[in-house]
Amino acid sequence: PKHVEILDELPKTAVGKVFKPDLRKMAISRVYGETLRAQGIEAAVSVYEDKTRGLVATVTPKTPGTTEAQIGAALGAFARPWAMGLDDS
């Protein structure tokens, strides 16, 4: 494995099965965050389920002056869609 993460508990469905979409969301957030940090971009990454596009990452830059083009260049190798989030500050 390329990454091992220790969790207190696996996300589960109401019947007790492992809920894989939550694990995918965690993995997408981690990989996108690491990729952006490697490019010098600090950003908060969250993932939500869109009915037409599937899992979509929302990237909210924390580094001032970060443009959508810079994020796109960093995340361009990934097939999973992403959207620019709004900075709350």
PDB file of N, CA and C in Angstrom:
ATOM      1  N   PRO A   1       0.828  -1.203   0.000  1.00  0.00           N
ATOM      2  CA  PRO A   1       0.000   0.000   0.000  1.00  0.00           C
ATOM      3  C   PRO A   1       0.867   1.260   0.000  1.00  0.00           C
ATOM      4  N   LYS A   2       0.347   2.309  -0.619  1.00  0.00           N
ATOM      5  CA  LYS A   2       1.050   3.591  -0.644  1.00  0.00           C
ATOM      6  C   LYS A   2       0.759   4.407   0.600  1.00  0.00           C
ATOM      7  N   HIS A   3      -0.358   4.130   1.245  1.00  0.00           N
ATOM      8  CA  HIS A   3      -0.750   4.896   2.422  1.00  0.00           C
ATOM      9  C   HIS A   3      -1.516   3.987   3.381  1.00  0.00           C
ATOM     10  N   VAL A   4      -1.200   4.108   4.655  1.00  0.00           N
ATOM     11  CA  VAL A   4      -1.931   3.365   5.684  1.00  0.00           C
ATOM     12  C   VAL A   4      -2.435   4.386   6.690  1.00  0.00           C
ATOM     13  N   GLU A   5      -3.702   4.308   7.000  1.00  0.00           N
ATOM     14  CA  GLU A   5      -4.304   5.222   7.969  1.00  0.00           C
ATOM     15  C   GLU A   5      -5.011   4.400   9.037  1.00  0.00           C
ATOM     16  N   ILE A   6      -4.745   4.726  10.274  1.00  0.00           N
ATOM     17  CA  ILE A   6      -5.382   4.043  11.388  1.00  0.00           C
ATOM     18  C   ILE A   6      -6.617   4.841  11.790  1.00  0.00           C
ATOM     19  N   LEU A   7      -7.761   4.191  11.770  1.00  0.00           N
ATOM     20  CA  LEU A   7      -9.021   4.820  12.159  1.00  0.00           C
ATOM     21  C   LEU A   7      -9.525   4.184  13.444  1.00  0.00           C
ATOM     22  N   ASP A   8     -10.183   4.982  14.270  1.00  0.00           N
ATOM     23  CA  ASP A   8     -10.801   4.428  15.475  1.00  0.00           C
ATOM     24  C   ASP A   8     -11.879   3.423  15.104  1.00  0.00           C
ATOM     25  N   GLU A   9     -12.625   3.758  14.047  1.00  0.00           N
ATOM     26  CA  GLU A   9     -13.723   2.892  13.610  1.00  0.00           C
ATOM     27  C   GLU A   9     -13.980   3.148  12.132  1.00  0.00           C
ATOM     28  N   LEU A  10     -14.293   2.101  11.396  1.00  0.00           N
ATOM     29  CA  LEU A  10     -14.651   2.252   9.993  1.00  0.00           C
ATOM     30  C   LEU A  10     -16.065   2.807   9.890  1.00  0.00           C
ATOM     31  N   PRO A  11     -16.322   3.667   8.880  1.00  0.00           N
ATOM     32  CA  PRO A  11     -17.689   4.132   8.685  1.00  0.00           C
ATOM     33  C   PRO A  11     -18.575   2.960   8.277  1.00  0.00           C
ATOM     34  N   LYS A  12     -19.758   2.901   8.858  1.00  0.00           N
ATOM     35  CA  LYS A  12     -20.647   1.763   8.594  1.00  0.00           C
ATOM     36  C   LYS A  12     -22.034   2.240   8.192  1.00  0.00           C
ATOM     37  N   THR A  13     -22.725   1.358   7.473  1.00  0.00           N
ATOM     38  CA  THR A  13     -24.113   1.611   7.113  1.00  0.00           C
ATOM     39  C   THR A  13     -25.003   1.249   8.306  1.00  0.00           C
ATOM     40  N   ALA A  14     -26.286   1.471   8.143  1.00  0.00           N
ATOM     41  CA  ALA A  14     -27.234   1.160   9.216  1.00  0.00           C
ATOM     42  C   ALA A  14     -27.268  -0.333   9.546  1.00  0.00           C
ATOM     43  N   VAL A  15     -26.927  -1.177   8.581  1.00  0.00           N
ATOM     44  CA  VAL A  15     -26.938  -2.621   8.829  1.00  0.00           C
ATOM     45  C   VAL A  15     -25.565  -3.163   9.232  1.00  0.00           C
ATOM     46  N   GLY A  16     -24.571  -2.280   9.367  1.00  0.00           N
ATOM     47  CA  GLY A  16     -23.269  -2.691   9.863  1.00  0.00           C
ATOM     48  C   GLY A  16     -22.210  -2.997   8.821  1.00  0.00           C
ATOM     49  N   LYS A  17     -22.504  -2.782   7.542  1.00  0.00           N
ATOM     50  CA  LYS A  17     -21.500  -3.000   6.507  1.00  0.00           C
ATOM     51  C   LYS A  17     -20.596  -1.766   6.398  1.00  0.00           C
ATOM     52  N   VAL A  18     -19.375  -1.976   5.908  1.00  0.00           N
ATOM     53  CA  VAL A  18     -18.451  -0.855   5.716  1.00  0.00           C
ATOM     54  C   VAL A  18     -19.014   0.059   4.630  1.00  0.00           C
ATOM     55  N   PHE A  19     -19.069   1.365   4.922  1.00  0.00           N
ATOM     56  CA  PHE A  19     -19.613   2.356   3.995  1.00  0.00           C
ATOM     57  C   PHE A  19     -18.472   2.922   3.157  1.00  0.00           C
ATOM     58  N   LYS A  20     -18.251   2.310   2.000  1.00  0.00           N
ATOM     59  CA  LYS A  20     -17.106   2.631   1.152  1.00  0.00           C
ATOM     60  C   LYS A  20     -17.105   4.065   0.601  1.00  0.00           C
ATOM     61  N   PRO A  21     -18.255   4.680   0.304  1.00  0.00           N
ATOM     62  CA  PRO A  21     -18.204   6.068  -0.174  1.00  0.00           C
ATOM     63  C   PRO A  21     -17.509   7.020   0.809  1.00  0.00           C
ATOM     64  N   ASP A  22     -17.697   6.818   2.100  1.00  0.00           N
ATOM     65  CA  ASP A  22     -17.001   7.673   3.068  1.00  0.00           C
ATOM     66  C   ASP A  22     -15.497   7.440   3.025  1.00  0.00           C
ATOM     67  N   LEU A  23     -15.075   6.202   2.819  1.00  0.00           N
ATOM     68  CA  LEU A  23     -13.646   5.916   2.694  1.00  0.00           C
ATOM     69  C   LEU A  23     -13.077   6.570   1.432  1.00  0.00           C
ATOM     70  N   ARG A  24     -13.843   6.557   0.344  1.00  0.00           N
ATOM     71  CA  ARG A  24     -13.406   7.220  -0.889  1.00  0.00           C
ATOM     72  C   ARG A  24     -13.276   8.721  -0.686  1.00  0.00           C
ATOM     73  N   LYS A  25     -14.240   9.321   0.016  1.00  0.00           N
ATOM     74  CA  LYS A  25     -14.184  10.761   0.300  1.00  0.00           C
ATOM     75  C   LYS A  25     -12.937  11.104   1.101  1.00  0.00           C
ATOM     76  N   MET A  26     -12.625  10.307   2.098  1.00  0.00           N
ATOM     77  CA  MET A  26     -11.431  10.544   2.912  1.00  0.00           C
ATOM     78  C   MET A  26     -10.173  10.449   2.052  1.00  0.00           C
ATOM     79  N   ALA A  27     -10.115   9.459   1.171  1.00  0.00           N
ATOM     80  CA  ALA A  27      -8.943   9.270   0.322  1.00  0.00           C
ATOM     81  C   ALA A  27      -8.779  10.423  -0.666  1.00  0.00           C
ATOM     82  N   ILE A  28      -9.872  10.868  -1.264  1.00  0.00           N
ATOM     83  CA  ILE A  28      -9.807  11.988  -2.215  1.00  0.00           C
ATOM     84  C   ILE A  28      -9.325  13.247  -1.498  1.00  0.00           C
ATOM     85  N   SER A  29      -9.861  13.530  -0.326  1.00  0.00           N
ATOM     86  CA  SER A  29      -9.439  14.709   0.440  1.00  0.00           C
ATOM     87  C   SER A  29      -7.955  14.650   0.756  1.00  0.00           C
ATOM     88  N   ARG A  30      -7.487  13.501   1.178  1.00  0.00           N
ATOM     89  CA  ARG A  30      -6.076  13.349   1.531  1.00  0.00           C
ATOM     90  C   ARG A  30      -5.175  13.524   0.318  1.00  0.00           C
ATOM     91  N   VAL A  31      -5.483  12.840  -0.776  1.00  0.00           N
ATOM     92  CA  VAL A  31      -4.631  12.883  -1.969  1.00  0.00           C
ATOM     93  C   VAL A  31      -4.623  14.282  -2.581  1.00  0.00           C
ATOM     94  N   TYR A  32      -5.786  14.918  -2.699  1.00  0.00           N
ATOM     95  CA  TYR A  32      -5.834  16.267  -3.261  1.00  0.00           C
ATOM     96  C   TYR A  32      -5.080  17.239  -2.358  1.00  0.00           C
ATOM     97  N   GLY A  33      -5.257  17.127  -1.052  1.00  0.00           N
ATOM     98  CA  GLY A  33      -4.549  18.001  -0.117  1.00  0.00           C
ATOM     99  C   GLY A  33      -3.044  17.846  -0.222  1.00  0.00           C
ATOM    100  N   GLU A  34      -2.563  16.606  -0.280  1.00  0.00           N
ATOM    101  CA  GLU A  34      -1.121  16.349  -0.412  1.00  0.00           C
ATOM    102  C   GLU A  34      -0.588  16.893  -1.733  1.00  0.00           C
ATOM    103  N   THR A  35      -1.340  16.726  -2.805  1.00  0.00           N
ATOM    104  CA  THR A  35      -0.909  17.204  -4.122  1.00  0.00           C
ATOM    105  C   THR A  35      -0.814  18.725  -4.133  1.00  0.00           C
ATOM    106  N   LEU A  36      -1.805  19.390  -3.552  1.00  0.00           N
ATOM    107  CA  LEU A  36      -1.781  20.854  -3.506  1.00  0.00           C
ATOM    108  C   LEU A  36      -0.621  21.352  -2.642  1.00  0.00           C
ATOM    109  N   ARG A  37      -0.392  20.722  -1.480  1.00  0.00           N
ATOM    110  CA  ARG A  37       0.726  21.127  -0.614  1.00  0.00           C
ATOM    111  C   ARG A  37       2.063  20.950  -1.322  1.00  0.00           C
ATOM    112  N   ALA A  38       2.202  19.901  -2.122  1.00  0.00           N
ATOM    113  CA  ALA A  38       3.437  19.676  -2.870  1.00  0.00           C
ATOM    114  C   ALA A  38       3.690  20.795  -3.882  1.00  0.00           C
ATOM    115  N   GLN A  39       2.619  21.457  -4.315  1.00  0.00           N
ATOM    116  CA  GLN A  39       2.730  22.583  -5.251  1.00  0.00           C
ATOM    117  C   GLN A  39       2.807  23.927  -4.518  1.00  0.00           C
ATOM    118  N   GLY A  40       2.851  23.884  -3.184  1.00  0.00           N
ATOM    119  CA  GLY A  40       2.944  25.115  -2.395  1.00  0.00           C
ATOM    120  C   GLY A  40       1.614  25.802  -2.166  1.00  0.00           C
ATOM    121  N   ILE A  41       0.523  25.071  -2.336  1.00  0.00           N
ATOM    122  CA  ILE A  41      -0.819  25.639  -2.153  1.00  0.00           C
ATOM    123  C   ILE A  41      -1.440  25.022  -0.912  1.00  0.00           C
ATOM    124  N   GLU A  42      -1.714  25.855   0.078  1.00  0.00           N
ATOM    125  CA  GLU A  42      -2.440  25.382   1.258  1.00  0.00           C
ATOM    126  C   GLU A  42      -3.929  25.551   0.974  1.00  0.00           C
ATOM    127  N   ALA A  43      -4.682  24.495   1.166  1.00  0.00           N
ATOM    128  CA  ALA A  43      -6.117  24.550   0.875  1.00  0.00           C
ATOM    129  C   ALA A  43      -6.861  23.536   1.727  1.00  0.00           C
ATOM    130  N   ALA A  44      -8.111  23.867   2.015  1.00  0.00           N
ATOM    131  CA  ALA A  44      -9.011  22.927   2.677  1.00  0.00           C
ATOM    132  C   ALA A  44      -9.742  22.174   1.570  1.00  0.00           C
ATOM    133  N   VAL A  45      -9.775  20.860   1.692  1.00  0.00           N
ATOM    134  CA  VAL A  45     -10.426  20.031   0.677  1.00  0.00           C
ATOM    135  C   VAL A  45     -11.536  19.238   1.350  1.00  0.00           C
ATOM    136  N   SER A  46     -12.742  19.378   0.823  1.00  0.00           N
ATOM    137  CA  SER A  46     -13.860  18.569   1.290  1.00  0.00           C
ATOM    138  C   SER A  46     -14.492  17.914   0.067  1.00  0.00           C
ATOM    139  N   VAL A  47     -15.177  16.811   0.285  1.00  0.00           N
ATOM    140  CA  VAL A  47     -15.749  16.047  -0.828  1.00  0.00           C
ATOM    141  C   VAL A  47     -17.233  15.839  -0.574  1.00  0.00           C
ATOM    142  N   TYR A  48     -18.026  16.038  -1.610  1.00  0.00           N
ATOM    143  CA  TYR A  48     -19.464  15.802  -1.504  1.00  0.00           C
ATOM    144  C   TYR A  48     -19.931  14.975  -2.697  1.00  0.00           C
ATOM    145  N   GLU A  49     -21.104  14.403  -2.566  1.00  0.00           N
ATOM    146  CA  GLU A  49     -21.686  13.575  -3.631  1.00  0.00           C
ATOM    147  C   GLU A  49     -22.636  14.427  -4.461  1.00  0.00           C
ATOM    148  N   ASP A  50     -22.361  14.508  -5.753  1.00  0.00           N
ATOM    149  CA  ASP A  50     -23.224  15.213  -6.699  1.00  0.00           C
ATOM    150  C   ASP A  50     -23.953  14.149  -7.512  1.00  0.00           C
ATOM    151  N   LYS A  51     -25.247  14.314  -7.721  1.00  0.00           N
ATOM    152  CA  LYS A  51     -26.037  13.279  -8.400  1.00  0.00           C
ATOM    153  C   LYS A  51     -25.619  13.064  -9.848  1.00  0.00           C
ATOM    154  N   THR A  52     -25.094  14.092 -10.501  1.00  0.00           N
ATOM    155  CA  THR A  52     -24.710  13.939 -11.900  1.00  0.00           C
ATOM    156  C   THR A  52     -23.216  13.699 -12.087  1.00  0.00           C
ATOM    157  N   ARG A  53     -22.368  14.269 -11.207  1.00  0.00           N
ATOM    158  CA  ARG A  53     -20.916  14.171 -11.389  1.00  0.00           C
ATOM    159  C   ARG A  53     -20.250  13.178 -10.451  1.00  0.00           C
ATOM    160  N   GLY A  54     -20.983  12.599  -9.532  1.00  0.00           N
ATOM    161  CA  GLY A  54     -20.385  11.664  -8.575  1.00  0.00           C
ATOM    162  C   GLY A  54     -19.719  12.415  -7.432  1.00  0.00           C
ATOM    163  N   LEU A  55     -18.604  11.906  -6.930  1.00  0.00           N
ATOM    164  CA  LEU A  55     -17.885  12.561  -5.847  1.00  0.00           C
ATOM    165  C   LEU A  55     -17.112  13.750  -6.402  1.00  0.00           C
ATOM    166  N   VAL A  56     -17.342  14.923  -5.805  1.00  0.00           N
ATOM    167  CA  VAL A  56     -16.715  16.166  -6.255  1.00  0.00           C
ATOM    168  C   VAL A  56     -15.963  16.778  -5.083  1.00  0.00           C
ATOM    169  N   ALA A  57     -14.718  17.155  -5.305  1.00  0.00           N
ATOM    170  CA  ALA A  57     -13.913  17.792  -4.273  1.00  0.00           C
ATOM    171  C   ALA A  57     -14.124  19.306  -4.334  1.00  0.00           C
ATOM    172  N   THR A  58     -14.327  19.933  -3.181  1.00  0.00           N
ATOM    173  CA  THR A  58     -14.375  21.379  -3.081  1.00  0.00           C
ATOM    174  C   THR A  58     -13.053  21.826  -2.492  1.00  0.00           C
ATOM    175  N   VAL A  59     -12.341  22.669  -3.224  1.00  0.00           N
ATOM    176  CA  VAL A  59     -11.024  23.144  -2.805  1.00  0.00           C
ATOM    177  C   VAL A  59     -11.142  24.613  -2.422  1.00  0.00           C
ATOM    178  N   THR A  60     -10.882  24.916  -1.144  1.00  0.00           N
ATOM    179  CA  THR A  60     -10.913  26.284  -0.649  1.00  0.00           C
ATOM    180  C   THR A  60      -9.486  26.696  -0.312  1.00  0.00           C
ATOM    181  N   PRO A  61      -8.878  27.554  -1.143  1.00  0.00           N
ATOM    182  CA  PRO A  61      -7.482  27.919  -0.920  1.00  0.00           C
ATOM    183  C   PRO A  61      -7.303  28.745   0.347  1.00  0.00           C
ATOM    184  N   LYS A  62      -6.223  28.475   1.063  1.00  0.00           N
ATOM    185  CA  LYS A  62      -5.852  29.233   2.250  1.00  0.00           C
ATOM    186  C   LYS A  62      -4.646  30.128   1.969  1.00  0.00           C
ATOM    187  N   THR A  63      -3.946  29.857   0.861  1.00  0.00           N
ATOM    188  CA  THR A  63      -2.809  30.666   0.455  1.00  0.00           C
ATOM    189  C   THR A  63      -3.347  31.871  -0.310  1.00  0.00           C
ATOM    190  N   PRO A  64      -3.059  33.102   0.152  1.00  0.00           N
ATOM    191  CA  PRO A  64      -3.567  34.291  -0.548  1.00  0.00           C
ATOM    192  C   PRO A  64      -3.082  34.352  -2.002  1.00  0.00           C
ATOM    193  N   GLY A  65      -3.970  34.772  -2.875  1.00  0.00           N
ATOM    194  CA  GLY A  65      -3.621  34.940  -4.281  1.00  0.00           C
ATOM    195  C   GLY A  65      -3.652  33.671  -5.104  1.00  0.00           C
ATOM    196  N   THR A  66      -4.096  32.572  -4.524  1.00  0.00           N
ATOM    197  CA  THR A  66      -4.172  31.322  -5.272  1.00  0.00           C
ATOM    198  C   THR A  66      -5.295  31.418  -6.296  1.00  0.00           C
ATOM    199  N   THR A  67      -4.988  31.085  -7.536  1.00  0.00           N
ATOM    200  CA  THR A  67      -5.992  31.174  -8.594  1.00  0.00           C
ATOM    201  C   THR A  67      -6.549  29.793  -8.933  1.00  0.00           C
ATOM    202  N   GLU A  68      -7.677  29.814  -9.596  1.00  0.00           N
ATOM    203  CA  GLU A  68      -8.301  28.565 -10.041  1.00  0.00           C
ATOM    204  C   GLU A  68      -7.407  27.843 -11.048  1.00  0.00           C
ATOM    205  N   ALA A  69      -6.663  28.607 -11.837  1.00  0.00           N
ATOM    206  CA  ALA A  69      -5.749  28.009 -12.817  1.00  0.00           C
ATOM    207  C   ALA A  69      -4.611  27.258 -12.125  1.00  0.00           C
ATOM    208  N   GLN A  70      -4.096  27.794 -11.024  1.00  0.00           N
ATOM    209  CA  GLN A  70      -3.034  27.116 -10.282  1.00  0.00           C
ATOM    210  C   GLN A  70      -3.532  25.800  -9.695  1.00  0.00           C
ATOM    211  N   ILE A  71      -4.728  25.819  -9.146  1.00  0.00           N
ATOM    212  CA  ILE A  71      -5.315  24.600  -8.586  1.00  0.00           C
ATOM    213  C   ILE A  71      -5.573  23.595  -9.702  1.00  0.00           C
ATOM    214  N   GLY A  72      -6.093  24.080 -10.821  1.00  0.00           N
ATOM    215  CA  GLY A  72      -6.346  23.212 -11.967  1.00  0.00           C
ATOM    216  C   GLY A  72      -5.081  22.558 -12.490  1.00  0.00           C
ATOM    217  N   ALA A  73      -3.986  23.306 -12.503  1.00  0.00           N
ATOM    218  CA  ALA A  73      -2.709  22.751 -12.957  1.00  0.00           C
ATOM    219  C   ALA A  73      -2.227  21.663 -12.002  1.00  0.00           C
ATOM    220  N   ALA A  74      -2.433  21.876 -10.700  1.00  0.00           N
ATOM    221  CA  ALA A  74      -1.993  20.886  -9.701  1.00  0.00           C
ATOM    222  C   ALA A  74      -2.861  19.628  -9.743  1.00  0.00           C
ATOM    223  N   LEU A  75      -4.156  19.796  -9.958  1.00  0.00           N
ATOM    224  CA  LEU A  75      -5.083  18.666  -9.899  1.00  0.00           C
ATOM    225  C   LEU A  75      -5.470  18.119 -11.276  1.00  0.00           C
ATOM    226  N   GLY A  76      -4.851  18.631 -12.316  1.00  0.00           N
ATOM    227  CA  GLY A  76      -5.218  18.249 -13.682  1.00  0.00           C
ATOM    228  C   GLY A  76      -5.003  16.781 -14.019  1.00  0.00           C
ATOM    229  N   ALA A  77      -4.141  16.109 -13.283  1.00  0.00           N
ATOM    230  CA  ALA A  77      -3.852  14.701 -13.581  1.00  0.00           C
ATOM    231  C   ALA A  77      -4.934  13.761 -13.054  1.00  0.00           C
ATOM    232  N   PHE A  78      -5.840  14.283 -12.228  1.00  0.00           N
ATOM    233  CA  PHE A  78      -6.868  13.436 -11.619  1.00  0.00           C
ATOM    234  C   PHE A  78      -8.155  13.493 -12.424  1.00  0.00           C
ATOM    235  N   ALA A  79      -8.821  12.355 -12.527  1.00  0.00           N
ATOM    236  CA  ALA A  79     -10.083  12.285 -13.266  1.00  0.00           C
ATOM    237  C   ALA A  79     -11.263  12.785 -12.437  1.00  0.00           C
ATOM    238  N   ARG A  80     -11.139  12.743 -11.122  1.00  0.00           N
ATOM    239  CA  ARG A  80     -12.229  13.143 -10.233  1.00  0.00           C
ATOM    240  C   ARG A  80     -12.447  14.652 -10.326  1.00  0.00           C
ATOM    241  N   PRO A  81     -13.688  15.125 -10.504  1.00  0.00           N
ATOM    242  CA  PRO A  81     -13.940  16.560 -10.644  1.00  0.00           C
ATOM    243  C   PRO A  81     -13.724  17.321  -9.337  1.00  0.00           C
ATOM    244  N   TRP A  82     -13.464  18.619  -9.469  1.00  0.00           N
ATOM    245  CA  TRP A  82     -13.303  19.473  -8.302  1.00  0.00           C
ATOM    246  C   TRP A  82     -13.942  20.831  -8.608  1.00  0.00           C
ATOM    247  N   ALA A  83     -14.222  21.573  -7.569  1.00  0.00           N
ATOM    248  CA  ALA A  83     -14.800  22.919  -7.705  1.00  0.00           C
ATOM    249  C   ALA A  83     -14.095  23.835  -6.723  1.00  0.00           C
ATOM    250  N   MET A  84     -14.029  25.098  -7.064  1.00  0.00           N
ATOM    251  CA  MET A  84     -13.394  26.091  -6.197  1.00  0.00           C
ATOM    252  C   MET A  84     -14.378  26.474  -5.110  1.00  0.00           C
ATOM    253  N   GLY A  85     -13.925  26.411  -3.866  1.00  0.00           N
ATOM    254  CA  GLY A  85     -14.755  26.813  -2.732  1.00  0.00           C
ATOM    255  C   GLY A  85     -14.520  28.267  -2.405  1.00  0.00           C
ATOM    256  N   LEU A  86     -15.389  28.824  -1.600  1.00  0.00           N
ATOM    257  CA  LEU A  86     -15.262  30.212  -1.176  1.00  0.00           C
ATOM    258  C   LEU A  86     -14.547  30.275   0.154  1.00  0.00           C
ATOM    259  N   ASP A  87     -13.634  31.243   0.265  1.00  0.00           N
ATOM    260  CA  ASP A  87     -12.910  31.435   1.528  1.00  0.00           C
ATOM    261  C   ASP A  87     -13.820  32.178   2.499  1.00  0.00           C
ATOM    262  N   ASP A  88     -13.986  31.638   3.699  1.00  0.00           N
ATOM    263  CA  ASP A  88     -14.885  32.235   4.699  1.00  0.00           C
ATOM    264  C   ASP A  88     -14.297  33.454   5.383  1.00  0.00           C
ATOM    265  N   SER A  89     -12.986  33.668   5.256  1.00  0.00           N
ATOM    266  CA  SER A  89     -12.371  34.776   5.982  1.00  0.00           C
ATOM    267  C   SER A  89     -12.508  36.092   5.277  1.00  0.00           C
TER     268      SER A  89
END
